[in-house]
PDB file of all heavy atoms in Angstrom:
ATOM      1  N   LYS A   1     -25.902 -15.655 -12.554  1.00  0.00           N
ATOM      2  CA  LYS A   1     -27.105 -16.375 -12.321  1.00  0.00           C
ATOM      3  C   LYS A   1     -28.166 -15.586 -11.574  1.00  0.00           C
ATOM      4  O   LYS A   1     -29.330 -16.018 -11.391  1.00  0.00           O
ATOM      5  CB  LYS A   1     -26.849 -17.675 -11.577  1.00  0.00           C
ATOM      6  CG  LYS A   1     -25.843 -18.629 -12.363  1.00  0.00           C
ATOM      7  CD  LYS A   1     -26.297 -18.917 -13.716  1.00  0.00           C
ATOM      8  CE  LYS A   1     -25.316 -19.857 -14.508  1.00  0.00           C
ATOM      9  NZ  LYS A   1     -25.682 -20.050 -15.911  1.00  0.00           N
ATOM     10  N   ARG A   2     -27.751 -14.446 -10.963  1.00  0.00           N
ATOM     11  CA  ARG A   2     -28.700 -13.635 -10.240  1.00  0.00           C
ATOM     12  C   ARG A   2     -29.229 -12.469 -11.130  1.00  0.00           C
ATOM     13  O   ARG A   2     -30.062 -11.682 -10.639  1.00  0.00           O
ATOM     14  CB  ARG A   2     -27.956 -12.960  -9.042  1.00  0.00           C
ATOM     15  CG  ARG A   2     -27.622 -14.030  -7.974  1.00  0.00           C
ATOM     16  CD  ARG A   2     -26.662 -13.393  -6.975  1.00  0.00           C
ATOM     17  NE  ARG A   2     -27.166 -12.087  -6.319  1.00  0.00           N
ATOM     18  CZ  ARG A   2     -26.366 -11.261  -5.732  1.00  0.00           C
ATOM     19  NH1 ARG A   2     -25.059 -11.480  -5.735  1.00  0.00           N
ATOM     20  NH2 ARG A   2     -26.823 -10.154  -5.268  1.00  0.00           N
ATOM     21  N   LEU A   3     -28.874 -12.481 -12.371  1.00  0.00           N
ATOM     22  CA  LEU A   3     -29.368 -11.444 -13.299  1.00  0.00           C
ATOM     23  C   LEU A   3     -30.654 -11.784 -13.870  1.00  0.00           C
ATOM     24  O   LEU A   3     -30.908 -12.920 -14.336  1.00  0.00           O
ATOM     25  CB  LEU A   3     -28.261 -11.284 -14.374  1.00  0.00           C
ATOM     26  CG  LEU A   3     -28.711 -10.367 -15.632  1.00  0.00           C
ATOM     27  CD1 LEU A   3     -28.921  -8.963 -15.211  1.00  0.00           C
ATOM     28  CD2 LEU A   3     -27.614 -10.462 -16.752  1.00  0.00           C
ATOM     29  N   TYR A   4     -31.579 -10.754 -13.937  1.00  0.00           N
ATOM     30  CA  TYR A   4     -32.829 -10.905 -14.625  1.00  0.00           C
ATOM     31  C   TYR A   4     -32.910  -9.726 -15.573  1.00  0.00           C
ATOM     32  O   TYR A   4     -32.780  -8.597 -15.243  1.00  0.00           O
ATOM     33  CB  TYR A   4     -34.029 -10.795 -13.608  1.00  0.00           C
ATOM     34  CG  TYR A   4     -35.444 -10.963 -14.187  1.00  0.00           C
ATOM     35  CD1 TYR A   4     -36.009 -12.197 -14.079  1.00  0.00           C
ATOM     36  CD2 TYR A   4     -36.084  -9.891 -14.897  1.00  0.00           C
ATOM     37  CE1 TYR A   4     -37.345 -12.421 -14.560  1.00  0.00           C
ATOM     38  CE2 TYR A   4     -37.297 -10.121 -15.431  1.00  0.00           C
ATOM     39  CZ  TYR A   4     -37.949 -11.292 -15.273  1.00  0.00           C
ATOM     40  OH  TYR A   4     -39.229 -11.510 -15.844  1.00  0.00           O
ATOM     41  N   LEU A   5     -33.093 -10.009 -16.969  1.00  0.00           N
ATOM     42  CA  LEU A   5     -33.044  -8.960 -17.944  1.00  0.00           C
ATOM     43  C   LEU A   5     -34.445  -8.690 -18.507  1.00  0.00           C
ATOM     44  O   LEU A   5     -35.246  -9.581 -18.831  1.00  0.00           O
ATOM     45  CB  LEU A   5     -32.183  -9.460 -19.108  1.00  0.00           C
ATOM     46  CG  LEU A   5     -30.662  -9.243 -19.018  1.00  0.00           C
ATOM     47  CD1 LEU A   5     -29.995  -9.745 -20.255  1.00  0.00           C
ATOM     48  CD2 LEU A   5     -30.321  -7.725 -18.767  1.00  0.00           C
ATOM     49  N   ILE A   6     -34.704  -7.400 -18.549  1.00  0.00           N
ATOM     50  CA  ILE A   6     -35.912  -6.883 -19.215  1.00  0.00           C
ATOM     51  C   ILE A   6     -35.382  -6.275 -20.571  1.00  0.00           C
ATOM     52  O   ILE A   6     -34.732  -5.178 -20.556  1.00  0.00           O
ATOM     53  CB  ILE A   6     -36.648  -5.824 -18.389  1.00  0.00           C
ATOM     54  CG1 ILE A   6     -37.024  -6.389 -17.064  1.00  0.00           C
ATOM     55  CG2 ILE A   6     -37.833  -5.334 -19.121  1.00  0.00           C
ATOM     56  CD1 ILE A   6     -37.528  -5.383 -16.002  1.00  0.00           C
ATOM     57  N   ILE A   7     -35.686  -6.966 -21.691  1.00  0.00           N
ATOM     58  CA  ILE A   7     -35.135  -6.527 -22.960  1.00  0.00           C
ATOM     59  C   ILE A   7     -36.186  -5.657 -23.658  1.00  0.00           C
ATOM     60  O   ILE A   7     -37.268  -6.101 -23.964  1.00  0.00           O
ATOM     61  CB  ILE A   7     -34.751  -7.765 -23.744  1.00  0.00           C
ATOM     62  CG1 ILE A   7     -33.755  -8.614 -22.996  1.00  0.00           C
ATOM     63  CG2 ILE A   7     -34.194  -7.403 -25.152  1.00  0.00           C
ATOM     64  CD1 ILE A   7     -33.335  -9.880 -23.825  1.00  0.00           C
ATOM     65  N   ALA A   8     -35.785  -4.382 -23.896  1.00  0.00           N
ATOM     66  CA  ALA A   8     -36.686  -3.418 -24.450  1.00  0.00           C
ATOM     67  C   ALA A   8     -36.339  -3.196 -25.982  1.00  0.00           C
ATOM     68  O   ALA A   8     -35.141  -2.971 -26.325  1.00  0.00           O
ATOM     69  CB  ALA A   8     -36.497  -2.101 -23.703  1.00  0.00           C
ATOM     70  N   GLY A   9     -37.364  -3.271 -26.741  1.00  0.00           N
ATOM     71  CA  GLY A   9     -37.187  -3.124 -28.164  1.00  0.00           C
ATOM     72  C   GLY A   9     -38.303  -3.707 -28.995  1.00  0.00           C
ATOM     73  O   GLY A   9     -39.387  -4.042 -28.392  1.00  0.00           O
ATOM     74  N   ARG A  10     -38.123  -3.920 -30.281  1.00  0.00           N
ATOM     75  CA  ARG A  10     -39.223  -4.450 -31.069  1.00  0.00           C
ATOM     76  C   ARG A  10     -39.266  -5.956 -30.833  1.00  0.00           C
ATOM     77  O   ARG A  10     -38.370  -6.672 -31.082  1.00  0.00           O
ATOM     78  CB  ARG A  10     -38.903  -4.176 -32.549  1.00  0.00           C
ATOM     79  CG  ARG A  10     -39.036  -2.694 -32.898  1.00  0.00           C
ATOM     80  CD  ARG A  10     -38.565  -2.466 -34.287  1.00  0.00           C
ATOM     81  NE  ARG A  10     -38.753  -1.049 -34.653  1.00  0.00           N
ATOM     82  CZ  ARG A  10     -38.078  -0.377 -35.623  1.00  0.00           C
ATOM     83  NH1 ARG A  10     -37.220  -0.996 -36.351  1.00  0.00           N
ATOM     84  NH2 ARG A  10     -38.397   0.886 -35.859  1.00  0.00           N
ATOM     85  N   GLU A  11     -40.482  -6.354 -30.319  1.00  0.00           N
ATOM     86  CA  GLU A  11     -40.630  -7.659 -29.778  1.00  0.00           C
ATOM     87  C   GLU A  11     -40.313  -8.784 -30.863  1.00  0.00           C
ATOM     88  O   GLU A  11     -39.617  -9.792 -30.537  1.00  0.00           O
ATOM     89  CB  GLU A  11     -42.053  -7.967 -29.264  1.00  0.00           C
ATOM     90  CG  GLU A  11     -42.254  -9.219 -28.600  1.00  0.00           C
ATOM     91  CD  GLU A  11     -43.643  -9.370 -27.954  1.00  0.00           C
ATOM     92  OE1 GLU A  11     -44.420  -8.371 -28.060  1.00  0.00           O
ATOM     93  OE2 GLU A  11     -43.905 -10.353 -27.229  1.00  0.00           O
ATOM     94  N   ALA A  12     -40.720  -8.568 -32.047  1.00  0.00           N
ATOM     95  CA  ALA A  12     -40.481  -9.615 -33.105  1.00  0.00           C
ATOM     96  C   ALA A  12     -39.072  -9.851 -33.381  1.00  0.00           C
ATOM     97  O   ALA A  12     -38.561 -10.940 -33.498  1.00  0.00           O
ATOM     98  CB  ALA A  12     -41.276  -9.285 -34.358  1.00  0.00           C
ATOM     99  N   GLU A  13     -38.364  -8.727 -33.433  1.00  0.00           N
ATOM    100  CA  GLU A  13     -36.900  -8.717 -33.740  1.00  0.00           C
ATOM    101  C   GLU A  13     -36.147  -9.363 -32.585  1.00  0.00           C
ATOM    102  O   GLU A  13     -35.131 -10.123 -32.730  1.00  0.00           O
ATOM    103  CB  GLU A  13     -36.363  -7.414 -34.093  1.00  0.00           C
ATOM    104  CG  GLU A  13     -36.934  -6.826 -35.347  1.00  0.00           C
ATOM    105  CD  GLU A  13     -36.347  -5.449 -35.692  1.00  0.00           C
ATOM    106  OE1 GLU A  13     -35.153  -5.248 -35.477  1.00  0.00           O
ATOM    107  OE2 GLU A  13     -37.149  -4.561 -36.222  1.00  0.00           O
ATOM    108  N   ILE A  14     -36.557  -9.057 -31.316  1.00  0.00           N
ATOM    109  CA  ILE A  14     -35.912  -9.599 -30.166  1.00  0.00           C
ATOM    110  C   ILE A  14     -36.077 -11.113 -30.129  1.00  0.00           C
ATOM    111  O   ILE A  14     -35.120 -11.827 -29.852  1.00  0.00           O
ATOM    112  CB  ILE A  14     -36.519  -8.936 -28.874  1.00  0.00           C
ATOM    113  CG1 ILE A  14     -36.094  -7.470 -28.834  1.00  0.00           C
ATOM    114  CG2 ILE A  14     -35.957  -9.733 -27.645  1.00  0.00           C
ATOM    115  CD1 ILE A  14     -36.781  -6.682 -27.706  1.00  0.00           C
ATOM    116  N   LYS A  15     -37.306 -11.608 -30.374  1.00  0.00           N
ATOM    117  CA  LYS A  15     -37.580 -13.005 -30.341  1.00  0.00           C
ATOM    118  C   LYS A  15     -36.819 -13.740 -31.405  1.00  0.00           C
ATOM    119  O   LYS A  15     -36.295 -14.837 -31.186  1.00  0.00           O
ATOM    120  CB  LYS A  15     -39.008 -13.308 -30.511  1.00  0.00           C
ATOM    121  CG  LYS A  15     -39.916 -12.923 -29.246  1.00  0.00           C
ATOM    122  CD  LYS A  15     -41.361 -13.270 -29.483  1.00  0.00           C
ATOM    123  CE  LYS A  15     -42.202 -12.961 -28.197  1.00  0.00           C
ATOM    124  NZ  LYS A  15     -43.603 -13.264 -28.443  1.00  0.00           N
ATOM    125  N   ALA A  16     -36.627 -13.103 -32.617  1.00  0.00           N
ATOM    126  CA  ALA A  16     -35.891 -13.733 -33.687  1.00  0.00           C
ATOM    127  C   ALA A  16     -34.412 -13.870 -33.316  1.00  0.00           C
ATOM    128  O   ALA A  16     -33.765 -14.940 -33.616  1.00  0.00           O
ATOM    129  CB  ALA A  16     -36.065 -12.880 -34.978  1.00  0.00           C
ATOM    130  N   GLU A  17     -33.824 -12.938 -32.586  1.00  0.00           N
ATOM    131  CA  GLU A  17     -32.495 -12.999 -32.259  1.00  0.00           C
ATOM    132  C   GLU A  17     -32.276 -13.954 -31.096  1.00  0.00           C
ATOM    133  O   GLU A  17     -31.275 -14.744 -31.088  1.00  0.00           O
ATOM    134  CB  GLU A  17     -31.928 -11.611 -31.806  1.00  0.00           C
ATOM    135  CG  GLU A  17     -31.773 -10.631 -32.967  1.00  0.00           C
ATOM    136  CD  GLU A  17     -30.758 -11.053 -33.988  1.00  0.00           C
ATOM    137  OE1 GLU A  17     -29.762 -11.776 -33.638  1.00  0.00           O
ATOM    138  OE2 GLU A  17     -31.024 -10.800 -35.121  1.00  0.00           O
ATOM    139  N   LEU A  18     -33.173 -13.929 -30.060  1.00  0.00           N
ATOM    140  CA  LEU A  18     -33.065 -14.865 -28.991  1.00  0.00           C
ATOM    141  C   LEU A  18     -33.165 -16.298 -29.408  1.00  0.00           C
ATOM    142  O   LEU A  18     -32.616 -17.256 -28.759  1.00  0.00           O
ATOM    143  CB  LEU A  18     -34.135 -14.517 -27.912  1.00  0.00           C
ATOM    144  CG  LEU A  18     -33.964 -13.261 -26.977  1.00  0.00           C
ATOM    145  CD1 LEU A  18     -35.202 -13.111 -26.192  1.00  0.00           C
ATOM    146  CD2 LEU A  18     -32.723 -13.452 -26.156  1.00  0.00           C
ATOM    147  N   ALA A  19     -33.891 -16.552 -30.466  1.00  0.00           N
ATOM    148  CA  ALA A  19     -34.105 -17.916 -30.907  1.00  0.00           C
ATOM    149  C   ALA A  19     -32.772 -18.551 -31.380  1.00  0.00           C
ATOM    150  O   ALA A  19     -32.720 -19.842 -31.508  1.00  0.00           O
ATOM    151  CB  ALA A  19     -35.112 -17.913 -32.157  1.00  0.00           C
ATOM    152  N   LYS A  20     -31.736 -17.759 -31.600  1.00  0.00           N
ATOM    153  CA  LYS A  20     -30.490 -18.269 -32.016  1.00  0.00           C
ATOM    154  C   LYS A  20     -29.598 -18.922 -30.930  1.00  0.00           C
ATOM    155  O   LYS A  20     -28.640 -19.597 -31.111  1.00  0.00           O
ATOM    156  CB  LYS A  20     -29.608 -17.195 -32.718  1.00  0.00           C
ATOM    157  CG  LYS A  20     -30.237 -16.530 -33.896  1.00  0.00           C
ATOM    158  CD  LYS A  20     -29.454 -15.343 -34.385  1.00  0.00           C
ATOM    159  CE  LYS A  20     -30.062 -14.682 -35.532  1.00  0.00           C
ATOM    160  NZ  LYS A  20     -29.288 -13.492 -35.968  1.00  0.00           N
ATOM    161  N   TYR A  21     -30.117 -18.712 -29.640  1.00  0.00           N
ATOM    162  CA  TYR A  21     -29.281 -18.999 -28.494  1.00  0.00           C
ATOM    163  C   TYR A  21     -29.993 -19.881 -27.492  1.00  0.00           C
ATOM    164  O   TYR A  21     -31.289 -19.930 -27.436  1.00  0.00           O
ATOM    165  CB  TYR A  21     -28.741 -17.818 -27.795  1.00  0.00           C
ATOM    166  CG  TYR A  21     -28.026 -16.778 -28.607  1.00  0.00           C
ATOM    167  CD1 TYR A  21     -28.766 -15.677 -29.208  1.00  0.00           C
ATOM    168  CD2 TYR A  21     -26.776 -17.008 -28.995  1.00  0.00           C
ATOM    169  CE1 TYR A  21     -28.098 -14.781 -29.982  1.00  0.00           C
ATOM    170  CE2 TYR A  21     -26.143 -16.049 -29.864  1.00  0.00           C
ATOM    171  CZ  TYR A  21     -26.780 -15.005 -30.326  1.00  0.00           C
ATOM    172  OH  TYR A  21     -26.170 -14.109 -31.110  1.00  0.00           O
ATOM    173  N   LYS A  22     -29.241 -20.526 -26.693  1.00  0.00           N
ATOM    174  CA  LYS A  22     -29.822 -21.280 -25.510  1.00  0.00           C
ATOM    175  C   LYS A  22     -29.608 -20.365 -24.338  1.00  0.00           C
ATOM    176  O   LYS A  22     -28.474 -19.919 -24.018  1.00  0.00           O
ATOM    177  CB  LYS A  22     -29.132 -22.580 -25.280  1.00  0.00           C
ATOM    178  CG  LYS A  22     -29.450 -23.693 -26.361  1.00  0.00           C
ATOM    179  CD  LYS A  22     -28.789 -25.008 -26.091  1.00  0.00           C
ATOM    180  CE  LYS A  22     -29.064 -25.995 -27.140  1.00  0.00           C
ATOM    181  NZ  LYS A  22     -28.441 -27.341 -26.870  1.00  0.00           N
ATOM    182  N   TYR A  23     -30.572 -20.092 -23.498  1.00  0.00           N
ATOM    183  CA  TYR A  23     -30.484 -19.268 -22.339  1.00  0.00           C
ATOM    184  C   TYR A  23     -31.626 -19.651 -21.337  1.00  0.00           C
ATOM    185  O   TYR A  23     -32.560 -20.344 -21.696  1.00  0.00           O
ATOM    186  CB  TYR A  23     -30.556 -17.773 -22.740  1.00  0.00           C
ATOM    187  CG  TYR A  23     -31.922 -17.408 -23.368  1.00  0.00           C
ATOM    188  CD1 TYR A  23     -32.935 -16.874 -22.627  1.00  0.00           C
ATOM    189  CD2 TYR A  23     -32.150 -17.662 -24.750  1.00  0.00           C
ATOM    190  CE1 TYR A  23     -34.134 -16.558 -23.214  1.00  0.00           C
ATOM    191  CE2 TYR A  23     -33.360 -17.324 -25.356  1.00  0.00           C
ATOM    192  CZ  TYR A  23     -34.328 -16.752 -24.625  1.00  0.00           C
ATOM    193  OH  TYR A  23     -35.571 -16.473 -25.156  1.00  0.00           O
ATOM    194  N   ASP A  24     -31.529 -19.098 -20.209  1.00  0.00           N
ATOM    195  CA  ASP A  24     -32.607 -19.370 -19.176  1.00  0.00           C
ATOM    196  C   ASP A  24     -33.719 -18.313 -19.436  1.00  0.00           C
ATOM    197  O   ASP A  24     -33.717 -17.167 -18.968  1.00  0.00           O
ATOM    198  CB  ASP A  24     -31.969 -19.163 -17.763  1.00  0.00           C
ATOM    199  CG  ASP A  24     -32.985 -19.463 -16.711  1.00  0.00           C
ATOM    200  OD1 ASP A  24     -34.177 -19.759 -16.976  1.00  0.00           O
ATOM    201  OD2 ASP A  24     -32.574 -19.366 -15.449  1.00  0.00           O
ATOM    202  N   ALA A  25     -34.761 -18.820 -20.034  1.00  0.00           N
ATOM    203  CA  ALA A  25     -35.925 -17.933 -20.398  1.00  0.00           C
ATOM    204  C   ALA A  25     -36.697 -17.404 -19.193  1.00  0.00           C
ATOM    205  O   ALA A  25     -37.386 -16.418 -19.275  1.00  0.00           O
ATOM    206  CB  ALA A  25     -36.820 -18.733 -21.367  1.00  0.00           C
ATOM    207  N   SER A  26     -36.533 -18.111 -17.993  1.00  0.00           N
ATOM    208  CA  SER A  26     -37.255 -17.704 -16.841  1.00  0.00           C
ATOM    209  C   SER A  26     -36.630 -16.401 -16.204  1.00  0.00           C
ATOM    210  O   SER A  26     -37.232 -15.794 -15.408  1.00  0.00           O
ATOM    211  CB  SER A  26     -37.147 -18.794 -15.751  1.00  0.00           C
ATOM    212  OG  SER A  26     -35.827 -18.997 -15.269  1.00  0.00           O
ATOM    213  N   ARG A  27     -35.438 -15.967 -16.759  1.00  0.00           N
ATOM    214  CA  ARG A  27     -34.774 -14.801 -16.291  1.00  0.00           C
ATOM    215  C   ARG A  27     -34.757 -13.608 -17.409  1.00  0.00           C
ATOM    216  O   ARG A  27     -33.990 -12.730 -17.346  1.00  0.00           O
ATOM    217  CB  ARG A  27     -33.363 -15.068 -15.842  1.00  0.00           C
ATOM    218  CG  ARG A  27     -33.307 -15.979 -14.600  1.00  0.00           C
ATOM    219  CD  ARG A  27     -31.925 -16.032 -14.088  1.00  0.00           C
ATOM    220  NE  ARG A  27     -31.015 -16.887 -14.857  1.00  0.00           N
ATOM    221  CZ  ARG A  27     -29.827 -16.422 -15.367  1.00  0.00           C
ATOM    222  NH1 ARG A  27     -29.455 -15.269 -15.178  1.00  0.00           N
ATOM    223  NH2 ARG A  27     -29.136 -17.254 -16.024  1.00  0.00           N
ATOM    224  N   VAL A  28     -35.761 -13.798 -18.327  1.00  0.00           N
ATOM    225  CA  VAL A  28     -35.826 -12.835 -19.365  1.00  0.00           C
ATOM    226  C   VAL A  28     -37.362 -12.466 -19.598  1.00  0.00           C
ATOM    227  O   VAL A  28     -38.202 -13.340 -19.633  1.00  0.00           O
ATOM    228  CB  VAL A  28     -35.241 -13.367 -20.769  1.00  0.00           C
ATOM    229  CG1 VAL A  28     -35.472 -12.411 -21.804  1.00  0.00           C
ATOM    230  CG2 VAL A  28     -33.760 -13.679 -20.575  1.00  0.00           C
ATOM    231  N   GLU A  29     -37.560 -11.152 -19.804  1.00  0.00           N
ATOM    232  CA  GLU A  29     -38.881 -10.772 -20.268  1.00  0.00           C
ATOM    233  C   GLU A  29     -38.706  -9.701 -21.352  1.00  0.00           C
ATOM    234  O   GLU A  29     -37.580  -9.070 -21.369  1.00  0.00           O
ATOM    235  CB  GLU A  29     -39.716 -10.278 -19.165  1.00  0.00           C
ATOM    236  CG  GLU A  29     -39.328  -8.950 -18.528  1.00  0.00           C
ATOM    237  CD  GLU A  29     -40.306  -8.454 -17.456  1.00  0.00           C
ATOM    238  OE1 GLU A  29     -41.297  -7.772 -17.822  1.00  0.00           O
ATOM    239  OE2 GLU A  29     -40.177  -8.794 -16.274  1.00  0.00           O
ATOM    240  N   ILE A  30     -39.636  -9.463 -22.146  1.00  0.00           N
ATOM    241  CA  ILE A  30     -39.490  -8.561 -23.304  1.00  0.00           C
ATOM    242  C   ILE A  30     -40.393  -7.371 -23.073  1.00  0.00           C
ATOM    243  O   ILE A  30     -41.614  -7.567 -22.720  1.00  0.00           O
ATOM    244  CB  ILE A  30     -39.830  -9.208 -24.655  1.00  0.00           C
ATOM    245  CG1 ILE A  30     -38.790 -10.277 -24.922  1.00  0.00           C
ATOM    246  CG2 ILE A  30     -39.784  -8.144 -25.828  1.00  0.00           C
ATOM    247  CD1 ILE A  30     -39.152 -11.102 -26.145  1.00  0.00           C
ATOM    248  N   LEU A  31     -39.987  -6.106 -23.126  1.00  0.00           N
ATOM    249  CA  LEU A  31     -40.693  -4.934 -23.081  1.00  0.00           C
ATOM    250  C   LEU A  31     -40.864  -4.402 -24.512  1.00  0.00           C
ATOM    251  O   LEU A  31     -39.876  -3.856 -25.046  1.00  0.00           O
ATOM    252  CB  LEU A  31     -40.010  -3.909 -22.152  1.00  0.00           C
ATOM    253  CG  LEU A  31     -40.811  -2.582 -21.936  1.00  0.00           C
ATOM    254  CD1 LEU A  31     -42.158  -2.743 -21.318  1.00  0.00           C
ATOM    255  CD2 LEU A  31     -39.904  -1.602 -21.165  1.00  0.00           C
ATOM    256  N   ASP A  32     -42.029  -4.493 -25.133  1.00  0.00           N
ATOM    257  CA  ASP A  32     -42.173  -4.189 -26.485  1.00  0.00           C
ATOM    258  C   ASP A  32     -42.223  -2.747 -26.670  1.00  0.00           C
ATOM    259  O   ASP A  32     -43.000  -1.999 -26.129  1.00  0.00           O
ATOM    260  CB  ASP A  32     -43.489  -4.767 -27.040  1.00  0.00           C
ATOM    261  CG  ASP A  32     -43.680  -4.571 -28.472  1.00  0.00           C
ATOM    262  OD1 ASP A  32     -42.677  -4.492 -29.220  1.00  0.00           O
ATOM    263  OD2 ASP A  32     -44.840  -4.551 -29.014  1.00  0.00           O
ATOM    264  N   CYS A  33     -41.125  -2.296 -27.452  1.00  0.00           N
ATOM    265  CA  CYS A  33     -40.975  -0.800 -27.736  1.00  0.00           C
ATOM    266  C   CYS A  33     -40.755  -0.604 -29.311  1.00  0.00           C
ATOM    267  O   CYS A  33     -39.634  -0.675 -29.709  1.00  0.00           O
ATOM    268  CB  CYS A  33     -39.764  -0.267 -26.974  1.00  0.00           C
ATOM    269  SG  CYS A  33     -39.931  -0.390 -25.181  1.00  0.00           S
ATOM    270  N   PRO A  34     -41.884  -0.576 -30.048  1.00  0.00           N
ATOM    271  CA  PRO A  34     -41.657  -0.493 -31.485  1.00  0.00           C
ATOM    272  C   PRO A  34     -41.047   0.745 -32.027  1.00  0.00           C
ATOM    273  O   PRO A  34     -40.597   0.742 -33.106  1.00  0.00           O
ATOM    274  CB  PRO A  34     -43.127  -0.611 -31.970  1.00  0.00           C
ATOM    275  CG  PRO A  34     -43.985  -0.191 -30.789  1.00  0.00           C
ATOM    276  CD  PRO A  34     -43.270  -0.620 -29.605  1.00  0.00           C
ATOM    277  N   ASP A  35     -41.064   1.865 -31.186  1.00  0.00           N
ATOM    278  CA  ASP A  35     -40.475   3.075 -31.717  1.00  0.00           C
ATOM    279  C   ASP A  35     -38.915   3.038 -31.377  1.00  0.00           C
ATOM    280  O   ASP A  35     -38.522   2.533 -30.380  1.00  0.00           O
ATOM    281  CB  ASP A  35     -41.055   4.278 -31.053  1.00  0.00           C
ATOM    282  CG  ASP A  35     -42.484   4.513 -31.413  1.00  0.00           C
ATOM    283  OD1 ASP A  35     -42.906   4.016 -32.548  1.00  0.00           O
ATOM    284  OD2 ASP A  35     -43.219   5.261 -30.674  1.00  0.00           O
ATOM    285  N   VAL A  36     -38.197   3.635 -32.273  1.00  0.00           N
ATOM    286  CA  VAL A  36     -36.683   3.657 -32.090  1.00  0.00           C
ATOM    287  C   VAL A  36     -36.253   5.125 -32.309  1.00  0.00           C
ATOM    288  O   VAL A  36     -36.628   5.776 -33.196  1.00  0.00           O
ATOM    289  CB  VAL A  36     -35.943   2.783 -33.127  1.00  0.00           C
ATOM    290  CG1 VAL A  36     -34.478   2.999 -32.964  1.00  0.00           C
ATOM    291  CG2 VAL A  36     -36.397   1.336 -32.985  1.00  0.00           C
ATOM    292  N   ILE A  37     -35.507   5.617 -31.249  1.00  0.00           N
ATOM    293  CA  ILE A  37     -34.905   6.976 -31.340  1.00  0.00           C
ATOM    294  C   ILE A  37     -33.647   6.855 -32.093  1.00  0.00           C
ATOM    295  O   ILE A  37     -32.672   6.275 -31.740  1.00  0.00           O
ATOM    296  CB  ILE A  37     -34.631   7.549 -29.873  1.00  0.00           C
ATOM    297  CG1 ILE A  37     -36.024   7.682 -29.213  1.00  0.00           C
ATOM    298  CG2 ILE A  37     -34.042   8.903 -29.933  1.00  0.00           C
ATOM    299  CD1 ILE A  37     -35.919   8.117 -27.788  1.00  0.00           C
ATOM    300  N   GLY A  38     -33.544   7.547 -33.239  1.00  0.00           N
ATOM    301  CA  GLY A  38     -32.377   7.523 -34.074  1.00  0.00           C
ATOM    302  C   GLY A  38     -31.345   8.531 -33.697  1.00  0.00           C
ATOM    303  O   GLY A  38     -31.639   9.500 -32.857  1.00  0.00           O
ATOM    304  N   MET A  39     -30.133   8.452 -34.185  1.00  0.00           N
ATOM    305  CA  MET A  39     -29.059   9.387 -33.868  1.00  0.00           C
ATOM    306  C   MET A  39     -29.374  10.793 -34.343  1.00  0.00           C
ATOM    307  O   MET A  39     -28.822  11.764 -33.875  1.00  0.00           O
ATOM    308  CB  MET A  39     -27.685   8.846 -34.462  1.00  0.00           C
ATOM    309  CG  MET A  39     -27.232   7.508 -33.789  1.00  0.00           C
ATOM    310  SD  MET A  39     -27.034   7.665 -32.084  1.00  0.00           S
ATOM    311  CE  MET A  39     -26.480   6.004 -31.654  1.00  0.00           C
ATOM    312  N   ASN A  40     -30.203  10.945 -35.415  1.00  0.00           N
ATOM    313  CA  ASN A  40     -30.490  12.260 -35.934  1.00  0.00           C
ATOM    314  C   ASN A  40     -31.723  12.872 -35.364  1.00  0.00           C
ATOM    315  O   ASN A  40     -32.031  14.033 -35.602  1.00  0.00           O
ATOM    316  CB  ASN A  40     -30.691  12.172 -37.485  1.00  0.00           C
ATOM    317  CG  ASN A  40     -29.402  11.738 -38.164  1.00  0.00           C
ATOM    318  OD1 ASN A  40     -28.319  12.112 -37.834  1.00  0.00           O
ATOM    319  ND2 ASN A  40     -29.561  10.950 -39.230  1.00  0.00           N
ATOM    320  N   ASP A  41     -32.424  12.160 -34.435  1.00  0.00           N
ATOM    321  CA  ASP A  41     -33.564  12.757 -33.703  1.00  0.00           C
ATOM    322  C   ASP A  41     -33.092  13.823 -32.727  1.00  0.00           C
ATOM    323  O   ASP A  41     -32.101  13.599 -32.080  1.00  0.00           O
ATOM    324  CB  ASP A  41     -34.326  11.621 -33.070  1.00  0.00           C
ATOM    325  CG  ASP A  41     -35.133  10.772 -34.031  1.00  0.00           C
ATOM    326  OD1 ASP A  41     -35.491  11.270 -35.080  1.00  0.00           O
ATOM    327  OD2 ASP A  41     -35.357   9.648 -33.669  1.00  0.00           O
TER     328      ASP A  41
END
């Protein structure tokens, strides 16, 4: 209950996944990072 998460990634995809669950939204923020570093980069 003392954890606050900053979730980094593509905002639209994060919101779509979070919508599947019940959670304390006051302890979550999204850091929009549309670029993804691949394993071959």
